[in-house]
Amino acid sequence: MQEKTPDTKLIAFCGLYCGECGRYKSKKCPGCRENERASWCKVRKCCLENGKASCAECGVYASASECKKFNNIFSKLFGFIFGSDRQASIDFLKQSGPDAYAAEMTRRGKQSMKKK
């Protein structure tokens, strides 16, 4: 079995880890940063316009959950269906950095932190 290598370039702007996404693994998506078709994503657009690698680097809000681009009906639905906690992912990124986050998500085999 091939060892998975964590890659910080696979951290999406919203904190999801594309390296463990089924669509990415099956080569159906290039990942958030490379996916030009993801122009609909307001989080992606905001981060690109403001030169941020992710919402973890935002200085406008104390918590990404305060941002309407980050915390909208689609993200709530995604979080509910998949048990995903993107805020916890952003918090982990802020506290430990992208290398540690990519390594942790790779170790867990998960796209994001999970709701408790």
N, C-alpha and C. Protein backbone atom coordinates (compact mmCIF):
# COMPACT_ATOMS: atom_id res chain seq x y z
N MET A 1 0.84 -1.19 0.00
CA MET A 1 0.00 0.00 0.00
C MET A 1 0.88 1.25 0.00
N GLN A 2 0.53 2.20 -0.85
CA GLN A 2 1.31 3.42 -0.98
C GLN A 2 1.04 4.36 0.20
N GLU A 3 2.10 4.90 0.75
CA GLU A 3 2.01 5.86 1.86
C GLU A 3 1.45 7.18 1.34
N LYS A 4 0.47 7.75 2.03
CA LYS A 4 -0.09 9.03 1.64
C LYS A 4 0.82 10.14 2.17
N THR A 5 1.04 11.16 1.36
CA THR A 5 1.87 12.28 1.75
C THR A 5 1.00 13.51 1.95
N PRO A 6 1.05 14.11 3.15
CA PRO A 6 0.29 15.34 3.38
C PRO A 6 0.76 16.45 2.44
N ASP A 7 -0.15 17.27 1.97
CA ASP A 7 0.18 18.34 1.04
C ASP A 7 -0.61 19.58 1.42
N THR A 8 0.07 20.61 1.85
CA THR A 8 -0.61 21.85 2.26
C THR A 8 -1.32 22.53 1.10
N LYS A 9 -0.93 22.23 -0.13
CA LYS A 9 -1.60 22.81 -1.30
C LYS A 9 -3.00 22.23 -1.49
N LEU A 10 -3.29 21.17 -0.74
CA LEU A 10 -4.61 20.54 -0.84
C LEU A 10 -5.55 20.99 0.28
N ILE A 11 -5.15 22.02 1.02
CA ILE A 11 -6.04 22.61 2.02
C ILE A 11 -6.89 23.65 1.31
N ALA A 12 -8.19 23.43 1.32
CA ALA A 12 -9.11 24.37 0.67
C ALA A 12 -9.16 25.68 1.46
N PHE A 13 -9.60 26.72 0.84
CA PHE A 13 -9.69 28.03 1.47
C PHE A 13 -10.58 28.01 2.71
N CYS A 14 -11.61 27.15 2.70
CA CYS A 14 -12.55 27.07 3.82
C CYS A 14 -12.09 26.11 4.91
N GLY A 15 -10.95 25.46 4.72
CA GLY A 15 -10.43 24.57 5.74
C GLY A 15 -10.64 23.09 5.47
N LEU A 16 -11.38 22.74 4.45
CA LEU A 16 -11.51 21.32 4.10
C LEU A 16 -10.17 20.84 3.55
N TYR A 17 -9.90 19.55 3.67
CA TYR A 17 -8.66 18.99 3.15
C TYR A 17 -8.97 18.15 1.91
N CYS A 18 -8.69 18.69 0.75
CA CYS A 18 -9.01 18.04 -0.52
C CYS A 18 -8.27 16.71 -0.69
N GLY A 19 -7.13 16.55 -0.05
CA GLY A 19 -6.34 15.33 -0.18
C GLY A 19 -7.08 14.08 0.26
N GLU A 20 -8.13 14.23 1.06
CA GLU A 20 -8.91 13.08 1.53
C GLU A 20 -10.33 13.07 0.95
N CYS A 21 -10.58 13.89 -0.05
CA CYS A 21 -11.89 13.96 -0.70
C CYS A 21 -11.99 12.87 -1.77
N GLY A 22 -13.12 12.19 -1.81
CA GLY A 22 -13.34 11.14 -2.80
C GLY A 22 -13.22 11.63 -4.23
N ARG A 23 -13.76 12.82 -4.50
CA ARG A 23 -13.69 13.36 -5.87
C ARG A 23 -12.24 13.66 -6.26
N TYR A 24 -11.46 14.17 -5.32
CA TYR A 24 -10.04 14.44 -5.60
C TYR A 24 -9.30 13.12 -5.82
N LYS A 25 -9.54 12.16 -4.95
CA LYS A 25 -8.84 10.88 -5.04
C LYS A 25 -9.17 10.14 -6.33
N SER A 26 -10.40 10.31 -6.84
CA SER A 26 -10.80 9.64 -8.07
C SER A 26 -10.49 10.48 -9.31
N LYS A 27 -9.75 11.55 -9.11
CA LYS A 27 -9.30 12.43 -10.21
C LYS A 27 -10.45 13.16 -10.91
N LYS A 28 -11.57 13.34 -10.21
CA LYS A 28 -12.72 14.06 -10.78
C LYS A 28 -12.68 15.54 -10.43
N CYS A 29 -11.76 15.91 -9.54
CA CYS A 29 -11.62 17.31 -9.12
C CYS A 29 -10.14 17.56 -8.85
N PRO A 30 -9.63 18.71 -9.29
CA PRO A 30 -8.21 19.00 -9.07
C PRO A 30 -7.92 19.55 -7.67
N GLY A 31 -8.95 19.71 -6.86
CA GLY A 31 -8.77 20.34 -5.55
C GLY A 31 -9.20 21.80 -5.63
N CYS A 32 -9.54 22.37 -4.52
CA CYS A 32 -10.10 23.72 -4.46
C CYS A 32 -9.21 24.77 -5.14
N ARG A 33 -7.95 24.76 -4.84
CA ARG A 33 -7.05 25.80 -5.34
C ARG A 33 -6.91 25.78 -6.86
N GLU A 34 -6.97 24.60 -7.45
CA GLU A 34 -6.79 24.44 -8.89
C GLU A 34 -8.10 24.40 -9.67
N ASN A 35 -9.22 24.31 -8.97
CA ASN A 35 -10.52 24.13 -9.62
C ASN A 35 -11.10 25.47 -10.08
N GLU A 36 -10.83 25.83 -11.31
CA GLU A 36 -11.34 27.08 -11.87
C GLU A 36 -12.86 27.09 -11.95
N ARG A 37 -13.48 25.91 -11.99
CA ARG A 37 -14.94 25.84 -12.04
C ARG A 37 -15.57 26.20 -10.70
N ALA A 38 -14.77 26.33 -9.65
CA ALA A 38 -15.29 26.67 -8.33
C ALA A 38 -15.39 28.18 -8.13
N SER A 39 -15.54 28.91 -9.22
CA SER A 39 -15.63 30.37 -9.13
C SER A 39 -16.89 30.82 -8.39
N TRP A 40 -17.86 29.93 -8.22
CA TRP A 40 -19.09 30.22 -7.49
C TRP A 40 -18.83 30.36 -5.99
N CYS A 41 -17.72 29.79 -5.49
CA CYS A 41 -17.45 29.75 -4.05
C CYS A 41 -17.01 31.12 -3.53
N LYS A 42 -17.81 31.71 -2.67
CA LYS A 42 -17.52 33.04 -2.14
C LYS A 42 -16.31 33.04 -1.20
N VAL A 43 -16.11 31.94 -0.48
CA VAL A 43 -14.94 31.84 0.40
C VAL A 43 -13.67 31.83 -0.44
N ARG A 44 -13.67 31.03 -1.48
CA ARG A 44 -12.51 30.94 -2.38
C ARG A 44 -12.22 32.31 -2.99
N LYS A 45 -13.25 32.96 -3.49
CA LYS A 45 -13.09 34.27 -4.12
C LYS A 45 -12.53 35.29 -3.12
N CYS A 46 -13.06 35.31 -1.91
CA CYS A 46 -12.61 36.23 -0.88
C CYS A 46 -11.12 36.01 -0.56
N CYS A 47 -10.75 34.76 -0.35
CA CYS A 47 -9.36 34.45 -0.02
C CYS A 47 -8.42 34.83 -1.16
N LEU A 48 -8.81 34.52 -2.39
CA LEU A 48 -7.98 34.89 -3.54
C LEU A 48 -7.82 36.40 -3.66
N GLU A 49 -8.94 37.13 -3.51
CA GLU A 49 -8.89 38.58 -3.62
C GLU A 49 -8.06 39.23 -2.52
N ASN A 50 -8.00 38.59 -1.35
CA ASN A 50 -7.30 39.17 -0.20
C ASN A 50 -5.95 38.50 0.08
N GLY A 51 -5.51 37.63 -0.83
CA GLY A 51 -4.20 37.00 -0.70
C GLY A 51 -4.06 36.10 0.51
N LYS A 52 -5.13 35.44 0.90
CA LYS A 52 -5.12 34.55 2.06
C LYS A 52 -5.10 33.09 1.59
N ALA A 53 -4.34 32.26 2.29
CA ALA A 53 -4.28 30.83 1.97
C ALA A 53 -5.55 30.13 2.43
N SER A 54 -6.17 30.66 3.50
CA SER A 54 -7.43 30.10 4.01
C SER A 54 -8.07 31.10 4.95
N CYS A 55 -9.26 30.78 5.42
CA CYS A 55 -9.95 31.63 6.38
C CYS A 55 -9.19 31.73 7.70
N ALA A 56 -8.26 30.83 7.95
CA ALA A 56 -7.45 30.87 9.17
C ALA A 56 -6.59 32.12 9.21
N GLU A 57 -6.30 32.71 8.06
CA GLU A 57 -5.46 33.91 7.99
C GLU A 57 -6.26 35.21 8.03
N CYS A 58 -7.58 35.10 8.07
CA CYS A 58 -8.44 36.29 8.05
C CYS A 58 -8.30 37.08 9.35
N GLY A 59 -8.17 38.38 9.23
CA GLY A 59 -8.07 39.24 10.41
C GLY A 59 -9.34 40.06 10.62
N VAL A 60 -10.33 39.88 9.77
CA VAL A 60 -11.56 40.65 9.85
C VAL A 60 -12.47 40.11 10.96
N TYR A 61 -12.55 38.80 11.06
CA TYR A 61 -13.43 38.17 12.05
C TYR A 61 -12.61 37.38 13.07
N ALA A 62 -13.05 37.43 14.31
CA ALA A 62 -12.38 36.65 15.37
C ALA A 62 -12.57 35.16 15.11
N SER A 63 -13.72 34.81 14.57
CA SER A 63 -14.06 33.42 14.26
C SER A 63 -14.63 33.38 12.85
N ALA A 64 -14.20 32.40 12.06
CA ALA A 64 -14.71 32.30 10.69
C ALA A 64 -16.23 32.15 10.66
N SER A 65 -16.79 31.58 11.72
CA SER A 65 -18.24 31.38 11.79
C SER A 65 -19.02 32.70 11.78
N GLU A 66 -18.35 33.80 12.09
CA GLU A 66 -19.00 35.12 12.05
C GLU A 66 -19.16 35.63 10.62
N CYS A 67 -18.43 35.06 9.69
CA CYS A 67 -18.44 35.50 8.29
C CYS A 67 -19.57 34.82 7.53
N LYS A 68 -20.40 35.63 6.87
CA LYS A 68 -21.52 35.08 6.11
C LYS A 68 -21.06 34.28 4.88
N LYS A 69 -19.88 34.57 4.37
CA LYS A 69 -19.36 33.79 3.24
C LYS A 69 -18.98 32.39 3.70
N PHE A 70 -18.43 32.29 4.90
CA PHE A 70 -18.00 31.01 5.46
C PHE A 70 -19.17 30.24 6.07
N ASN A 71 -20.03 30.94 6.76
CA ASN A 71 -21.12 30.33 7.51
C ASN A 71 -22.45 30.64 6.81
N ASN A 72 -22.79 29.82 5.82
CA ASN A 72 -24.03 30.02 5.06
C ASN A 72 -24.84 28.72 5.05
N ILE A 73 -25.98 28.74 4.41
CA ILE A 73 -26.88 27.59 4.41
C ILE A 73 -26.23 26.36 3.79
N PHE A 74 -25.40 26.55 2.76
CA PHE A 74 -24.76 25.42 2.10
C PHE A 74 -23.72 24.77 3.02
N SER A 75 -22.94 25.60 3.72
CA SER A 75 -21.94 25.04 4.63
C SER A 75 -22.62 24.35 5.81
N LYS A 76 -23.73 24.89 6.27
CA LYS A 76 -24.47 24.24 7.37
C LYS A 76 -25.03 22.90 6.93
N LEU A 77 -25.56 22.85 5.72
CA LEU A 77 -26.09 21.60 5.17
C LEU A 77 -24.97 20.58 4.98
N PHE A 78 -23.85 21.00 4.41
CA PHE A 78 -22.69 20.14 4.23
C PHE A 78 -22.22 19.60 5.58
N GLY A 79 -22.11 20.48 6.56
CA GLY A 79 -21.68 20.07 7.89
C GLY A 79 -22.62 19.07 8.53
N PHE A 80 -23.91 19.27 8.34
CA PHE A 80 -24.91 18.36 8.90
C PHE A 80 -24.83 16.98 8.25
N ILE A 81 -24.80 16.96 6.92
CA ILE A 81 -24.79 15.69 6.18
C ILE A 81 -23.51 14.90 6.46
N PHE A 82 -22.38 15.57 6.46
CA PHE A 82 -21.10 14.87 6.58
C PHE A 82 -20.50 14.92 7.98
N GLY A 83 -21.18 15.56 8.92
CA GLY A 83 -20.65 15.66 10.28
C GLY A 83 -19.37 16.47 10.32
N SER A 84 -19.25 17.39 9.38
CA SER A 84 -18.03 18.19 9.22
C SER A 84 -18.07 19.44 10.10
N ASP A 85 -16.95 19.77 10.69
CA ASP A 85 -16.82 20.97 11.51
C ASP A 85 -15.70 21.84 10.93
N ARG A 86 -16.06 22.64 9.94
CA ARG A 86 -15.05 23.48 9.28
C ARG A 86 -14.46 24.51 10.23
N GLN A 87 -15.24 25.00 11.20
CA GLN A 87 -14.70 25.96 12.16
C GLN A 87 -13.58 25.30 12.97
N ALA A 88 -13.77 24.05 13.37
CA ALA A 88 -12.72 23.33 14.09
C ALA A 88 -11.49 23.15 13.21
N SER A 89 -11.71 22.95 11.92
CA SER A 89 -10.59 22.83 10.98
C SER A 89 -9.82 24.15 10.90
N ILE A 90 -10.54 25.25 10.80
CA ILE A 90 -9.91 26.57 10.76
C ILE A 90 -9.17 26.84 12.07
N ASP A 91 -9.77 26.48 13.20
CA ASP A 91 -9.12 26.67 14.50
C ASP A 91 -7.82 25.86 14.58
N PHE A 92 -7.85 24.62 14.09
CA PHE A 92 -6.65 23.77 14.08
C PHE A 92 -5.58 24.41 13.21
N LEU A 93 -5.98 24.91 12.05
CA LEU A 93 -5.03 25.59 11.16
C LEU A 93 -4.38 26.80 11.84
N LYS A 94 -5.19 27.60 12.53
CA LYS A 94 -4.67 28.78 13.23
C LYS A 94 -3.68 28.39 14.32
N GLN A 95 -4.03 27.37 15.08
CA GLN A 95 -3.21 26.97 16.23
C GLN A 95 -1.95 26.20 15.84
N SER A 96 -2.06 25.32 14.86
CA SER A 96 -0.96 24.40 14.58
C SER A 96 -0.27 24.62 13.24
N GLY A 97 -0.91 25.36 12.35
CA GLY A 97 -0.33 25.62 11.04
C GLY A 97 -0.72 24.60 9.98
N PRO A 98 -0.50 24.96 8.71
CA PRO A 98 -0.93 24.11 7.60
C PRO A 98 -0.22 22.76 7.53
N ASP A 99 1.07 22.70 7.86
CA ASP A 99 1.78 21.42 7.79
C ASP A 99 1.17 20.41 8.76
N ALA A 100 0.94 20.85 10.00
CA ALA A 100 0.36 19.96 11.02
C ALA A 100 -1.07 19.58 10.65
N TYR A 101 -1.83 20.53 10.09
CA TYR A 101 -3.21 20.23 9.71
C TYR A 101 -3.26 19.19 8.59
N ALA A 102 -2.46 19.40 7.54
CA ALA A 102 -2.44 18.44 6.42
C ALA A 102 -2.01 17.06 6.92
N ALA A 103 -1.03 17.02 7.81
CA ALA A 103 -0.57 15.74 8.36
C ALA A 103 -1.67 15.08 9.18
N GLU A 104 -2.38 15.86 9.97
CA GLU A 104 -3.45 15.30 10.82
C GLU A 104 -4.61 14.78 9.98
N MET A 105 -5.01 15.52 8.97
CA MET A 105 -6.11 15.07 8.12
C MET A 105 -5.71 13.82 7.33
N THR A 106 -4.46 13.77 6.89
CA THR A 106 -3.96 12.59 6.18
C THR A 106 -3.94 11.39 7.12
N ARG A 107 -3.47 11.61 8.33
CA ARG A 107 -3.41 10.54 9.33
C ARG A 107 -4.82 10.00 9.62
N ARG A 108 -5.78 10.92 9.76
CA ARG A 108 -7.16 10.52 10.06
C ARG A 108 -7.89 9.99 8.84
N GLY A 109 -7.42 10.36 7.64
CA GLY A 109 -8.12 9.98 6.42
C GLY A 109 -9.44 10.72 6.27
N LYS A 110 -9.46 11.97 6.75
CA LYS A 110 -10.70 12.78 6.76
C LYS A 110 -10.50 14.09 6.02
N GLN A 111 -11.60 14.60 5.53
CA GLN A 111 -11.63 15.85 4.80
C GLN A 111 -11.68 17.06 5.74
N SER A 112 -12.18 16.86 6.95
CA SER A 112 -12.26 17.95 7.92
C SER A 112 -12.36 17.36 9.32
N MET A 113 -12.26 18.24 10.29
CA MET A 113 -12.49 17.82 11.66
C MET A 113 -13.97 17.40 11.72
N LYS A 114 -14.28 16.51 12.60
CA LYS A 114 -15.65 16.02 12.74
C LYS A 114 -16.33 16.64 13.93
N LYS A 115 -17.64 16.83 13.81
CA LYS A 115 -18.43 17.34 14.94
C LYS A 115 -18.40 16.33 16.05
N LYS A 116 -18.34 16.82 17.25
CA LYS A 116 -18.28 15.93 18.42
C LYS A 116 -19.66 15.56 18.89
